[in-house]
PDB file of N, CA and C in Angstrom:
ATOM      1  N   UNK A   1     -44.503 105.964 126.101  1.00  0.00           N
ATOM      2  CA  UNK A   1     -45.931 105.320 125.736  1.00  0.00           C
ATOM      3  C   UNK A   1     -46.280 104.141 127.137  1.00  0.00           C
ATOM      4  N   UNK A   2     -47.390 103.844 127.304  1.00  0.00           N
ATOM      5  CA  UNK A   2     -48.228 103.170 128.270  1.00  0.00           C
ATOM      6  C   UNK A   2     -48.779 101.749 127.284  1.00  0.00           C
ATOM      7  N   UNK A   3     -48.930 100.780 127.688  1.00  0.00           N
ATOM      8  CA  UNK A   3     -49.706  99.873 127.586  1.00  0.00           C
ATOM      9  C   UNK A   3     -51.417  99.971 127.730  1.00  0.00           C
ATOM     10  N   UNK A   4     -52.385  99.290 127.259  1.00  0.00           N
ATOM     11  CA  UNK A   4     -53.359  99.494 127.669  1.00  0.00           C
ATOM     12  C   UNK A   4     -54.365  98.127 127.956  1.00  0.00           C
ATOM     13  N   UNK A   5     -54.714  98.298 128.876  1.00  0.00           N
ATOM     14  CA  UNK A   5     -55.728  97.428 129.761  1.00  0.00           C
ATOM     15  C   UNK A   5     -56.876  97.606 129.544  1.00  0.00           C
ATOM     16  N   UNK A   6     -57.771  96.718 128.974  1.00  0.00           N
ATOM     17  CA  UNK A   6     -59.541  97.284 128.380  1.00  0.00           C
ATOM     18  C   UNK A   6     -60.263  96.003 129.523  1.00  0.00           C
ATOM     19  N   UNK A   7     -61.306  96.366 130.172  1.00  0.00           N
ATOM     20  CA  UNK A   7     -62.506  95.716 130.740  1.00  0.00           C
ATOM     21  C   UNK A   7     -63.961  96.170 130.416  1.00  0.00           C
ATOM     22  N   UNK A   8     -64.169  95.563 129.467  1.00  0.00           N
ATOM     23  CA  UNK A   8     -65.662  96.045 129.069  1.00  0.00           C
ATOM     24  C   UNK A   8     -67.063  95.412 129.075  1.00  0.00           C
ATOM     25  N   UNK A   9     -67.760  95.853 129.128  1.00  0.00           N
ATOM     26  CA  UNK A   9     -69.323  95.058 129.746  1.00  0.00           C
ATOM     27  C   UNK A   9     -69.726  94.853 130.883  1.00  0.00           C
ATOM     28  N   UNK A  10     -68.972  96.007 131.710  1.00  0.00           N
ATOM     29  CA  UNK A  10     -69.432  95.543 133.160  1.00  0.00           C
ATOM     30  C   UNK A  10     -70.604  96.197 133.415  1.00  0.00           C
ATOM     31  N   UNK A  11     -71.382  94.866 133.780  1.00  0.00           N
ATOM     32  CA  UNK A  11     -72.877  95.311 134.384  1.00  0.00           C
ATOM     33  C   UNK A  11     -73.004  95.661 135.522  1.00  0.00           C
ATOM     34  N   UNK A  12     -73.825  96.597 135.955  1.00  0.00           N
ATOM     35  CA  UNK A  12     -73.941  97.192 137.256  1.00  0.00           C
ATOM     36  C   UNK A  12     -75.296  97.367 137.528  1.00  0.00           C
ATOM     37  N   UNK A  13     -76.060  97.565 138.812  1.00  0.00           N
ATOM     38  CA  UNK A  13     -77.187  98.029 138.885  1.00  0.00           C
ATOM     39  C   UNK A  13     -77.386  99.271 139.806  1.00  0.00           C
ATOM     40  N   UNK A  14     -77.611 100.169 139.170  1.00  0.00           N
ATOM     41  CA  UNK A  14     -77.377 101.361 140.006  1.00  0.00           C
ATOM     42  C   UNK A  14     -79.015 102.331 140.255  1.00  0.00           C
ATOM     43  N   UNK A  15     -79.107 102.978 141.388  1.00  0.00           N
ATOM     44  CA  UNK A  15     -80.237 103.965 141.239  1.00  0.00           C
ATOM     45  C   UNK A  15     -79.886 105.325 141.274  1.00  0.00           C
ATOM     46  N   UNK A  16     -79.601 105.551 140.013  1.00  0.00           N
ATOM     47  CA  UNK A  16     -78.801 107.192 139.336  1.00  0.00           C
ATOM     48  C   UNK A  16     -80.388 107.516 138.355  1.00  0.00           C
ATOM     49  N   UNK A  17     -80.284 108.935 138.612  1.00  0.00           N
ATOM     50  CA  UNK A  17     -80.855 109.678 137.693  1.00  0.00           C
ATOM     51  C   UNK A  17     -81.948 110.613 138.122  1.00  0.00           C
ATOM     52  N   UNK A  18     -82.103 111.580 137.652  1.00  0.00           N
ATOM     53  CA  UNK A  18     -82.684 113.013 137.798  1.00  0.00           C
ATOM     54  C   UNK A  18     -84.364 112.378 138.221  1.00  0.00           C
ATOM     55  N   UNK A  19     -84.907 111.459 137.928  1.00  0.00           N
ATOM     56  CA  UNK A  19     -86.163 111.000 138.331  1.00  0.00           C
ATOM     57  C   UNK A  19     -86.427 110.363 139.188  1.00  0.00           C
ATOM     58  N   UNK A  20     -87.646 110.451 140.474  1.00  0.00           N
ATOM     59  CA  UNK A  20     -87.592 109.935 141.425  1.00  0.00           C
ATOM     60  C   UNK A  20     -87.705 107.889 141.279  1.00  0.00           C
ATOM     61  N   UNK A  21     -88.455 108.103 139.915  1.00  0.00           N
ATOM     62  CA  UNK A  21     -88.199 106.138 139.582  1.00  0.00           C
ATOM     63  C   UNK A  21     -87.037 106.047 139.438  1.00  0.00           C
ATOM     64  N   UNK A  22     -86.136 106.251 138.708  1.00  0.00           N
ATOM     65  CA  UNK A  22     -84.833 105.933 138.485  1.00  0.00           C
ATOM     66  C   UNK A  22     -84.393 105.616 140.009  1.00  0.00           C
ATOM     67  N   UNK A  23     -84.111 106.439 140.997  1.00  0.00           N
ATOM     68  CA  UNK A  23     -83.556 106.386 142.048  1.00  0.00           C
ATOM     69  C   UNK A  23     -84.391 104.912 142.970  1.00  0.00           C
ATOM     70  N   UNK A  24     -85.889 105.158 142.809  1.00  0.00           N
ATOM     71  CA  UNK A  24     -86.458 104.419 143.375  1.00  0.00           C
ATOM     72  C   UNK A  24     -86.351 102.927 143.019  1.00  0.00           C
ATOM     73  N   UNK A  25     -86.492 102.729 141.857  1.00  0.00           N
ATOM     74  CA  UNK A  25     -86.385 101.439 140.881  1.00  0.00           C
ATOM     75  C   UNK A  25     -85.005 100.703 140.228  1.00  0.00           C
ATOM     76  N   UNK A  26     -84.242 101.894 140.009  1.00  0.00           N
ATOM     77  CA  UNK A  26     -82.825 101.408 139.801  1.00  0.00           C
ATOM     78  C   UNK A  26     -82.808 100.821 137.962  1.00  0.00           C
ATOM     79  N   UNK A  27     -82.135 100.709 137.511  1.00  0.00           N
ATOM     80  CA  UNK A  27     -81.584 100.515 136.081  1.00  0.00           C
ATOM     81  C   UNK A  27     -79.941  99.767 135.864  1.00  0.00           C
ATOM     82  N   UNK A  28     -80.098  98.883 134.770  1.00  0.00           N
ATOM     83  CA  UNK A  28     -78.790  98.711 134.343  1.00  0.00           C
ATOM     84  C   UNK A  28     -77.789  99.639 134.033  1.00  0.00           C
ATOM     85  N   UNK A  29     -76.420  99.905 134.247  1.00  0.00           N
ATOM     86  CA  UNK A  29     -75.383 100.687 134.094  1.00  0.00           C
ATOM     87  C   UNK A  29     -74.400  99.681 133.462  1.00  0.00           C
ATOM     88  N   UNK A  30     -73.435 100.211 132.532  1.00  0.00           N
ATOM     89  CA  UNK A  30     -72.790  99.119 131.922  1.00  0.00           C
ATOM     90  C   UNK A  30     -71.269 100.111 131.752  1.00  0.00           C
ATOM     91  N   UNK A  31     -70.124  99.536 131.960  1.00  0.00           N
ATOM     92  CA  UNK A  31     -69.030 100.337 132.356  1.00  0.00           C
ATOM     93  C   UNK A  31     -68.058  99.407 131.545  1.00  0.00           C
ATOM     94  N   UNK A  32     -67.188 100.571 130.703  1.00  0.00           N
ATOM     95  CA  UNK A  32     -66.071  99.980 129.862  1.00  0.00           C
ATOM     96  C   UNK A  32     -65.242 100.802 130.509  1.00  0.00           C
ATOM     97  N   UNK A  33     -63.733 100.118 130.502  1.00  0.00           N
ATOM     98  CA  UNK A  33     -62.699 100.903 131.036  1.00  0.00           C
ATOM     99  C   UNK A  33     -61.245 100.450 130.059  1.00  0.00           C
ATOM    100  N   UNK A  34     -60.296 101.497 130.223  1.00  0.00           N
ATOM    101  CA  UNK A  34     -59.127 101.075 129.187  1.00  0.00           C
ATOM    102  C   UNK A  34     -58.156 102.193 130.131  1.00  0.00           C
ATOM    103  N   UNK A  35     -56.962 101.405 130.602  1.00  0.00           N
ATOM    104  CA  UNK A  35     -56.126 101.807 131.642  1.00  0.00           C
ATOM    105  C   UNK A  35     -54.788 101.951 131.243  1.00  0.00           C
ATOM    106  N   UNK A  36     -54.126 103.020 131.629  1.00  0.00           N
ATOM    107  CA  UNK A  36     -52.788 102.997 130.637  1.00  0.00           C
ATOM    108  C   UNK A  36     -51.788 102.384 131.814  1.00  0.00           C
ATOM    109  N   UNK A  37     -51.224 101.768 131.472  1.00  0.00           N
ATOM    110  CA  UNK A  37     -50.324 101.020 132.399  1.00  0.00           C
ATOM    111  C   UNK A  37     -49.315 100.319 131.553  1.00  0.00           C
ATOM    112  N   UNK A  38     -47.783 100.247 132.593  1.00  0.00           N
ATOM    113  CA  UNK A  38     -46.493  99.481 131.872  1.00  0.00           C
ATOM    114  C   UNK A  38     -46.894  97.971 132.414  1.00  0.00           C
ATOM    115  N   UNK A  39     -46.909  97.290 131.579  1.00  0.00           N
ATOM    116  CA  UNK A  39     -47.072  96.023 131.723  1.00  0.00           C
ATOM    117  C   UNK A  39     -45.974  95.016 131.767  1.00  0.00           C
ATOM    118  N   UNK A  40     -44.496  96.031 131.294  1.00  0.00           N
ATOM    119  CA  UNK A  40     -43.176  95.444 131.461  1.00  0.00           C
ATOM    120  C   UNK A  40     -42.866  94.483 132.816  1.00  0.00           C
ATOM    121  N   UNK A  41     -42.917  95.349 133.884  1.00  0.00           N
ATOM    122  CA  UNK A  41     -42.873  94.555 135.364  1.00  0.00           C
ATOM    123  C   UNK A  41     -43.593  93.681 135.458  1.00  0.00           C
ATOM    124  N   UNK A  42     -44.574  93.113 135.006  1.00  0.00           N
ATOM    125  CA  UNK A  42     -45.769  91.945 135.216  1.00  0.00           C
ATOM    126  C   UNK A  42     -45.045  91.071 134.163  1.00  0.00           C
ATOM    127  N   UNK A  43     -44.950  91.688 132.966  1.00  0.00           N
ATOM    128  CA  UNK A  43     -44.348  90.341 132.007  1.00  0.00           C
ATOM    129  C   UNK A  43     -43.021  89.897 132.189  1.00  0.00           C
ATOM    130  N   UNK A  44     -42.220  90.279 133.266  1.00  0.00           N
ATOM    131  CA  UNK A  44     -40.636  89.421 133.566  1.00  0.00           C
ATOM    132  C   UNK A  44     -40.913  88.906 134.589  1.00  0.00           C
ATOM    133  N   UNK A  45     -42.087  89.429 135.424  1.00  0.00           N
ATOM    134  CA  UNK A  45     -42.131  88.694 136.924  1.00  0.00           C
ATOM    135  C   UNK A  45     -43.054  87.588 136.979  1.00  0.00           C
ATOM    136  N   UNK A  46     -43.791  87.588 135.894  1.00  0.00           N
ATOM    137  CA  UNK A  46     -44.855  86.641 135.930  1.00  0.00           C
ATOM    138  C   UNK A  46     -46.231  86.712 136.998  1.00  0.00           C
ATOM    139  N   UNK A  47     -45.964  88.054 137.814  1.00  0.00           N
ATOM    140  CA  UNK A  47     -46.598  87.942 139.665  1.00  0.00           C
ATOM    141  C   UNK A  47     -47.663  89.235 139.194  1.00  0.00           C
ATOM    142  N   UNK A  48     -48.699  88.464 139.924  1.00  0.00           N
ATOM    143  CA  UNK A  48     -50.021  89.236 139.812  1.00  0.00           C
ATOM    144  C   UNK A  48     -49.713  90.622 140.578  1.00  0.00           C
ATOM    145  N   UNK A  49     -49.117  90.419 141.794  1.00  0.00           N
ATOM    146  CA  UNK A  49     -48.296  91.313 142.448  1.00  0.00           C
ATOM    147  C   UNK A  49     -47.871  92.919 141.399  1.00  0.00           C
ATOM    148  N   UNK A  50     -47.531  92.623 140.326  1.00  0.00           N
ATOM    149  CA  UNK A  50     -46.588  93.644 139.463  1.00  0.00           C
ATOM    150  C   UNK A  50     -47.705  94.272 138.438  1.00  0.00           C
ATOM    151  N   UNK A  51     -49.092  93.758 138.588  1.00  0.00           N
ATOM    152  CA  UNK A  51     -49.946  94.596 137.900  1.00  0.00           C
ATOM    153  C   UNK A  51     -50.999  95.266 137.831  1.00  0.00           C
ATOM    154  N   UNK A  52     -52.054  95.421 137.685  1.00  0.00           N
ATOM    155  CA  UNK A  52     -53.403  95.775 138.309  1.00  0.00           C
ATOM    156  C   UNK A  52     -53.970  94.237 138.374  1.00  0.00           C
ATOM    157  N   UNK A  53     -54.705  93.972 139.382  1.00  0.00           N
ATOM    158  CA  UNK A  53     -55.448  93.469 139.377  1.00  0.00           C
ATOM    159  C   UNK A  53     -57.006  93.683 139.222  1.00  0.00           C
ATOM    160  N   UNK A  54     -57.378  92.943 137.787  1.00  0.00           N
ATOM    161  CA  UNK A  54     -58.572  93.512 137.205  1.00  0.00           C
ATOM    162  C   UNK A  54     -59.761  92.874 137.894  1.00  0.00           C
ATOM    163  N   UNK A  55     -59.672  91.654 138.424  1.00  0.00           N
ATOM    164  CA  UNK A  55     -60.738  91.161 138.912  1.00  0.00           C
ATOM    165  C   UNK A  55     -61.248  92.074 140.503  1.00  0.00           C
ATOM    166  N   UNK A  56     -60.089  92.241 141.004  1.00  0.00           N
ATOM    167  CA  UNK A  56     -60.285  93.181 142.346  1.00  0.00           C
ATOM    168  C   UNK A  56     -61.056  95.117 141.488  1.00  0.00           C
ATOM    169  N   UNK A  57     -60.020  95.397 140.602  1.00  0.00           N
ATOM    170  CA  UNK A  57     -60.863  96.673 140.032  1.00  0.00           C
ATOM    171  C   UNK A  57     -62.320  96.725 139.693  1.00  0.00           C
ATOM    172  N   UNK A  58     -62.736  95.755 138.893  1.00  0.00           N
ATOM    173  CA  UNK A  58     -64.235  95.346 138.307  1.00  0.00           C
ATOM    174  C   UNK A  58     -65.178  95.384 139.647  1.00  0.00           C
ATOM    175  N   UNK A  59     -64.630  95.031 140.791  1.00  0.00           N
ATOM    176  CA  UNK A  59     -65.309  94.707 142.045  1.00  0.00           C
ATOM    177  C   UNK A  59     -65.468  96.179 142.690  1.00  0.00           C
ATOM    178  N   UNK A  60     -64.099  96.684 142.728  1.00  0.00           N
ATOM    179  CA  UNK A  60     -64.330  98.298 143.181  1.00  0.00           C
ATOM    180  C   UNK A  60     -65.549  99.400 142.189  1.00  0.00           C
ATOM    181  N   UNK A  61     -64.889  99.164 140.782  1.00  0.00           N
ATOM    182  CA  UNK A  61     -65.805 100.219 139.884  1.00  0.00           C
ATOM    183  C   UNK A  61     -67.395  99.228 140.324  1.00  0.00           C
ATOM    184  N   UNK A  62     -67.829  98.204 140.419  1.00  0.00           N
ATOM    185  CA  UNK A  62     -69.177  97.619 140.642  1.00  0.00           C
ATOM    186  C   UNK A  62     -69.718  98.684 142.268  1.00  0.00           C
ATOM    187  N   UNK A  63     -68.894  98.680 143.278  1.00  0.00           N
ATOM    188  CA  UNK A  63     -69.079  98.987 144.833  1.00  0.00           C
ATOM    189  C   UNK A  63     -69.747 100.762 144.009  1.00  0.00           C
ATOM    190  N   UNK A  64     -69.118 101.430 143.108  1.00  0.00           N
ATOM    191  CA  UNK A  64     -68.796 102.533 143.035  1.00  0.00           C
ATOM    192  C   UNK A  64     -69.807 103.064 142.329  1.00  0.00           C
ATOM    193  N   UNK A  65     -70.530 101.998 141.484  1.00  0.00           N
ATOM    194  CA  UNK A  65     -71.660 102.534 140.636  1.00  0.00           C
ATOM    195  C   UNK A  65     -72.896 102.261 141.529  1.00  0.00           C
ATOM    196  N   UNK A  66     -72.601 100.967 142.323  1.00  0.00           N
ATOM    197  CA  UNK A  66     -73.883 100.579 142.908  1.00  0.00           C
ATOM    198  C   UNK A  66     -74.129 101.653 144.593  1.00  0.00           C
ATOM    199  N   UNK A  67     -73.287 102.210 144.638  1.00  0.00           N
ATOM    200  CA  UNK A  67     -73.471 102.970 146.195  1.00  0.00           C
ATOM    201  C   UNK A  67     -73.946 104.223 145.782  1.00  0.00           C
ATOM    202  N   UNK A  68     -74.705 105.071 146.661  1.00  0.00           N
ATOM    203  CA  UNK A  68     -75.058 106.512 146.794  1.00  0.00           C
ATOM    204  C   UNK A  68     -75.620 107.250 145.658  1.00  0.00           C
ATOM    205  N   UNK A  69     -76.878 106.735 145.417  1.00  0.00           N
ATOM    206  CA  UNK A  69     -77.497 107.071 144.263  1.00  0.00           C
ATOM    207  C   UNK A  69     -77.527 109.140 143.820  1.00  0.00           C
ATOM    208  N   UNK A  70     -76.962 109.326 142.557  1.00  0.00           N
ATOM    209  CA  UNK A  70     -76.812 110.561 142.482  1.00  0.00           C
ATOM    210  C   UNK A  70     -77.621 110.726 141.170  1.00  0.00           C
ATOM    211  N   UNK A  71     -77.576 112.066 140.578  1.00  0.00           N
ATOM    212  CA  UNK A  71     -78.348 112.498 139.655  1.00  0.00           C
ATOM    213  C   UNK A  71     -78.122 112.448 138.575  1.00  0.00           C
ATOM    214  N   UNK A  72     -76.555 112.656 137.868  1.00  0.00           N
ATOM    215  CA  UNK A  72     -75.925 112.391 136.673  1.00  0.00           C
ATOM    216  C   UNK A  72     -75.024 110.979 136.908  1.00  0.00           C
ATOM    217  N   UNK A  73     -74.926 110.657 135.197  1.00  0.00           N
ATOM    218  CA  UNK A  73     -73.858 109.412 134.958  1.00  0.00           C
ATOM    219  C   UNK A  73     -72.302 110.418 134.887  1.00  0.00           C
ATOM    220  N   UNK A  74     -72.428 111.607 134.992  1.00  0.00           N
ATOM    221  CA  UNK A  74     -71.343 113.059 135.179  1.00  0.00           C
ATOM    222  C   UNK A  74     -70.549 112.237 136.286  1.00  0.00           C
ATOM    223  N   UNK A  75     -71.190 112.392 137.441  1.00  0.00           N
ATOM    224  CA  UNK A  75     -70.740 112.234 138.794  1.00  0.00           C
ATOM    225  C   UNK A  75     -70.486 110.541 138.774  1.00  0.00           C
ATOM    226  N   UNK A  76     -71.271 109.646 138.526  1.00  0.00           N
ATOM    227  CA  UNK A  76     -71.061 108.521 138.088  1.00  0.00           C
ATOM    228  C   UNK A  76     -69.444 108.053 137.408  1.00  0.00           C
ATOM    229  N   UNK A  77     -69.652 108.485 136.669  1.00  0.00           N
ATOM    230  CA  UNK A  77     -68.529 107.904 135.759  1.00  0.00           C
ATOM    231  C   UNK A  77     -66.585 108.832 136.406  1.00  0.00           C
ATOM    232  N   UNK A  78     -67.055 110.125 137.127  1.00  0.00           N
ATOM    233  CA  UNK A  78     -65.592 110.589 137.989  1.00  0.00           C
ATOM    234  C   UNK A  78     -65.479 109.853 139.138  1.00  0.00           C
ATOM    235  N   UNK A  79     -66.660 108.773 139.699  1.00  0.00           N
ATOM    236  CA  UNK A  79     -66.193 108.323 140.839  1.00  0.00           C
ATOM    237  C   UNK A  79     -65.667 106.806 140.529  1.00  0.00           C
ATOM    238  N   UNK A  80     -65.779 106.181 139.080  1.00  0.00           N
ATOM    239  CA  UNK A  80     -65.273 105.070 138.277  1.00  0.00           C
ATOM    240  C   UNK A  80     -64.043 105.490 138.310  1.00  0.00           C
ATOM    241  N   UNK A  81     -63.264 106.685 137.635  1.00  0.00           N
ATOM    242  CA  UNK A  81     -62.528 107.129 137.447  1.00  0.00           C
ATOM    243  C   UNK A  81     -61.202 107.375 138.238  1.00  0.00           C
ATOM    244  N   UNK A  82     -61.917 107.599 139.431  1.00  0.00           N
ATOM    245  CA  UNK A  82     -61.229 107.759 140.729  1.00  0.00           C
ATOM    246  C   UNK A  82     -60.627 106.415 141.046  1.00  0.00           C
ATOM    247  N   UNK A  83     -61.884 105.543 141.051  1.00  0.00           N
ATOM    248  CA  UNK A  83     -61.451 103.624 141.379  1.00  0.00           C
ATOM    249  C   UNK A  83     -60.509 103.459 140.798  1.00  0.00           C
ATOM    250  N   UNK A  84     -60.248 103.884 139.633  1.00  0.00           N
ATOM    251  CA  UNK A  84     -58.961 103.437 138.537  1.00  0.00           C
ATOM    252  C   UNK A  84     -57.763 103.749 138.587  1.00  0.00           C
ATOM    253  N   UNK A  85     -57.886 105.162 139.530  1.00  0.00           N
ATOM    254  CA  UNK A  85     -56.767 105.989 139.747  1.00  0.00           C
ATOM    255  C   UNK A  85     -56.253 105.386 141.110  1.00  0.00           C
ATOM    256  N   UNK A  86     -57.044 104.774 141.667  1.00  0.00           N
ATOM    257  CA  UNK A  86     -56.581 104.691 142.968  1.00  0.00           C
ATOM    258  C   UNK A  86     -55.016 103.735 143.372  1.00  0.00           C
ATOM    259  N   UNK A  87     -54.971 102.807 141.825  1.00  0.00           N
ATOM    260  CA  UNK A  87     -53.813 102.030 142.037  1.00  0.00           C
ATOM    261  C   UNK A  87     -52.572 102.747 141.500  1.00  0.00           C
ATOM    262  N   UNK A  88     -51.654 103.236 141.902  1.00  0.00           N
ATOM    263  CA  UNK A  88     -50.743 103.952 141.447  1.00  0.00           C
ATOM    264  C   UNK A  88     -49.778 103.582 139.659  1.00  0.00           C
ATOM    265  N   UNK A  89     -50.177 102.392 139.737  1.00  0.00           N
ATOM    266  CA  UNK A  89     -49.603 102.229 138.236  1.00  0.00           C
ATOM    267  C   UNK A  89     -50.089 102.212 137.401  1.00  0.00           C
ATOM    268  N   UNK A  90     -51.476 102.787 137.637  1.00  0.00           N
ATOM    269  CA  UNK A  90     -52.621 103.626 136.609  1.00  0.00           C
ATOM    270  C   UNK A  90     -51.751 104.938 135.761  1.00  0.00           C
ATOM    271  N   UNK A  91     -51.817 105.093 134.708  1.00  0.00           N
ATOM    272  CA  UNK A  91     -51.221 106.353 134.223  1.00  0.00           C
ATOM    273  C   UNK A  91     -52.096 107.240 133.621  1.00  0.00           C
ATOM    274  N   UNK A  92     -53.673 106.439 133.634  1.00  0.00           N
ATOM    275  CA  UNK A  92     -54.400 107.035 132.856  1.00  0.00           C
ATOM    276  C   UNK A  92     -55.746 106.307 133.040  1.00  0.00           C
ATOM    277  N   UNK A  93     -56.899 106.820 132.904  1.00  0.00           N
ATOM    278  CA  UNK A  93     -58.146 105.771 132.867  1.00  0.00           C
ATOM    279  C   UNK A  93     -59.063 106.468 131.931  1.00  0.00           C
ATOM    280  N   UNK A  94     -59.434 105.610 131.291  1.00  0.00           N
ATOM    281  CA  UNK A  94     -60.451 106.063 129.689  1.00  0.00           C
ATOM    282  C   UNK A  94     -61.923 105.152 130.013  1.00  0.00           C
ATOM    283  N   UNK A  95     -63.082 105.928 130.543  1.00  0.00           N
ATOM    284  CA  UNK A  95     -63.838 105.109 131.348  1.00  0.00           C
ATOM    285  C   UNK A  95     -65.300 105.819 130.645  1.00  0.00           C
ATOM    286  N   UNK A  96     -66.055 104.538 130.235  1.00  0.00           N
ATOM    287  CA  UNK A  96     -67.223 105.050 129.489  1.00  0.00           C
ATOM    288  C   UNK A  96     -68.534 104.434 130.440  1.00  0.00           C
ATOM    289  N   UNK A  97     -69.450 105.046 130.853  1.00  0.00           N
ATOM    290  CA  UNK A  97     -70.561 104.090 131.220  1.00  0.00           C
ATOM    291  C   UNK A  97     -71.743 104.513 130.220  1.00  0.00           C
ATOM    292  N   UNK A  98     -72.347 103.501 130.091  1.00  0.00           N
ATOM    293  CA  UNK A  98     -73.570 103.339 129.308  1.00  0.00           C
ATOM    294  C   UNK A  98     -74.788 103.324 130.206  1.00  0.00           C
ATOM    295  N   UNK A  99     -75.731 104.252 129.622  1.00  0.00           N
ATOM    296  CA  UNK A  99     -77.358 104.068 130.659  1.00  0.00           C
ATOM    297  C   UNK A  99     -78.354 103.667 129.214  1.00  0.00           C
ATOM    298  N   UNK A 100     -78.215 102.187 129.197  1.00  0.00           N
ATOM    299  CA  UNK A 100     -78.937 102.058 128.093  1.00  0.00           C
ATOM    300  C   UNK A 100     -80.447 101.901 128.228  1.00  0.00           C
ATOM    301  N   UNK A 101     -81.023 102.011 129.183  1.00  0.00           N
ATOM    302  CA  UNK A 101     -82.402 102.083 129.664  1.00  0.00           C
ATOM    303  C   UNK A 101     -82.638 103.649 130.023  1.00  0.00           C
ATOM    304  N   UNK A 102     -82.024 104.976 129.654  1.00  0.00           N
ATOM    305  CA  UNK A 102     -82.593 105.933 129.757  1.00  0.00           C
ATOM    306  C   UNK A 102     -84.206 106.633 129.494  1.00  0.00           C
ATOM    307  N   UNK A 103     -84.530 107.234 130.325  1.00  0.00           N
ATOM    308  CA  UNK A 103     -86.043 107.375 130.213  1.00  0.00           C
ATOM    309  C   UNK A 103     -85.604 108.583 129.090  1.00  0.00           C
ATOM    310  N   UNK A 104     -85.692 108.062 127.649  1.00  0.00           N
ATOM    311  CA  UNK A 104     -85.816 108.810 126.286  1.00  0.00           C
ATOM    312  C   UNK A 104     -87.003 108.321 125.974  1.00  0.00           C
ATOM    313  N   UNK A 105     -88.125 109.405 125.843  1.00  0.00           N
ATOM    314  CA  UNK A 105     -89.094 109.452 124.870  1.00  0.00           C
ATOM    315  C   UNK A 105     -88.891 109.668 123.149  1.00  0.00           C
ATOM    316  N   UNK A 106     -87.946 108.401 122.569  1.00  0.00           N
ATOM    317  CA  UNK A 106     -87.576 108.027 121.155  1.00  0.00           C
ATOM    318  C   UNK A 106     -86.947 106.744 121.030  1.00  0.00           C
ATOM    319  N   UNK A 107     -87.073 106.525 120.253  1.00  0.00           N
ATOM    320  CA  UNK A 107     -86.234 105.022 119.977  1.00  0.00           C
ATOM    321  C   UNK A 107     -84.507 105.539 119.812  1.00  0.00           C
ATOM    322  N   UNK A 108     -83.850 104.786 120.384  1.00  0.00           N
ATOM    323  CA  UNK A 108     -82.067 104.891 120.710  1.00  0.00           C
ATOM    324  C   UNK A 108     -81.448 103.657 121.239  1.00  0.00           C
ATOM    325  N   UNK A 109     -80.348 103.397 121.029  1.00  0.00           N
ATOM    326  CA  UNK A 109     -79.851 102.515 121.367  1.00  0.00           C
ATOM    327  C   UNK A 109     -78.915 102.253 122.581  1.00  0.00           C
ATOM    328  N   UNK A 110     -78.373 103.311 122.792  1.00  0.00           N
ATOM    329  CA  UNK A 110     -77.905 103.922 124.171  1.00  0.00           C
ATOM    330  C   UNK A 110     -77.304 104.997 124.186  1.00  0.00           C
ATOM    331  N   UNK A 111     -77.270 105.655 125.700  1.00  0.00           N
ATOM    332  CA  UNK A 111     -76.876 106.699 126.256  1.00  0.00           C
ATOM    333  C   UNK A 111     -75.096 106.328 127.002  1.00  0.00           C
ATOM    334  N   UNK A 112     -74.450 107.277 126.647  1.00  0.00           N
ATOM    335  CA  UNK A 112     -73.176 106.534 126.780  1.00  0.00           C
ATOM    336  C   UNK A 112     -72.193 108.112 127.000  1.00  0.00           C
ATOM    337  N   UNK A 113     -71.446 108.366 128.366  1.00  0.00           N
ATOM    338  CA  UNK A 113     -70.465 109.168 128.456  1.00  0.00           C
ATOM    339  C   UNK A 113     -69.157 108.584 128.712  1.00  0.00           C
ATOM    340  N   UNK A 114     -67.905 109.017 127.917  1.00  0.00           N
ATOM    341  CA  UNK A 114     -66.730 108.872 128.137  1.00  0.00           C
ATOM    342  C   UNK A 114     -65.792 109.654 128.581  1.00  0.00           C
ATOM    343  N   UNK A 115     -65.244 109.661 129.657  1.00  0.00           N
ATOM    344  CA  UNK A 115     -63.934 110.668 129.969  1.00  0.00           C
ATOM    345  C   UNK A 115     -62.597 110.204 130.161  1.00  0.00           C
ATOM    346  N   UNK A 116     -61.490 110.879 130.199  1.00  0.00           N
ATOM    347  CA  UNK A 116     -60.529 110.548 130.368  1.00  0.00           C
ATOM    348  C   UNK A 116     -59.632 111.132 131.366  1.00  0.00           C
ATOM    349  N   UNK A 117     -59.150 110.248 132.184  1.00  0.00           N
ATOM    350  CA  UNK A 117     -58.612 110.980 133.480  1.00  0.00           C
ATOM    351  C   UNK A 117     -57.123 111.016 133.563  1.00  0.00           C
ATOM    352  N   UNK A 118     -56.176 111.725 133.756  1.00  0.00           N
ATOM    353  CA  UNK A 118     -54.727 111.405 134.059  1.00  0.00           C
ATOM    354  C   UNK A 118     -54.298 111.475 135.541  1.00  0.00           C
ATOM    355  N   UNK A 119     -53.368 110.607 135.981  1.00  0.00           N
ATOM    356  CA  UNK A 119     -52.855 110.809 137.323  1.00  0.00           C
ATOM    357  C   UNK A 119     -51.841 112.057 137.322  1.00  0.00           C
ATOM    358  N   UNK A 120     -52.236 112.951 138.293  1.00  0.00           N
ATOM    359  CA  UNK A 120     -51.983 114.478 138.244  1.00  0.00           C
ATOM    360  C   UNK A 120     -52.127 114.511 139.915  1.00  0.00           C
ATOM    361  N   UNK A 121     -51.527 115.897 140.526  1.00  0.00           N
ATOM    362  CA  UNK A 121     -51.362 116.373 141.430  1.00  0.00           C
ATOM    363  C   UNK A 121     -53.195 116.173 142.026  1.00  0.00           C
ATOM    364  N   UNK A 122     -54.388 116.105 141.743  1.00  0.00           N
ATOM    365  CA  UNK A 122     -55.311 115.645 142.072  1.00  0.00           C
ATOM    366  C   UNK A 122     -55.539 114.452 142.491  1.00  0.00           C
ATOM    367  N   UNK A 123     -54.977 113.668 142.085  1.00  0.00           N
ATOM    368  CA  UNK A 123     -54.759 112.035 141.857  1.00  0.00           C
ATOM    369  C   UNK A 123     -53.494 111.536 142.734  1.00  0.00           C
ATOM    370  N   UNK A 124     -52.863 112.051 143.136  1.00  0.00           N
ATOM    371  CA  UNK A 124     -51.405 111.590 144.040  1.00  0.00           C
ATOM    372  C   UNK A 124     -51.836 111.580 145.299  1.00  0.00           C
TER     373      UNK A 124
END
């Protein structure tokens, strides 16, 4: 059983979407992360080097969202999961990306996609 580290509500500005105006104008994307990690080494040592530096992680997540526009949030959320799994202490990552200003002709509160990725042959 792993522990869970969460960082929620990470606001990013990206130029993703299938419409030209989305790529041109950009919009807010919000990211929620939950990582499966063993926190016992950090608890014993009280050293940042023994855990995930969530400040650095958030910077990497923002960079993943803010670079290279793509059409689909499925592509962006996979990028984010890949960033989370770069740290070998992360056993799995659950990532939600919110696109609250998606161009939908209806009243709605949010569009969100959540994926879970585990460390495996594709990530080692």
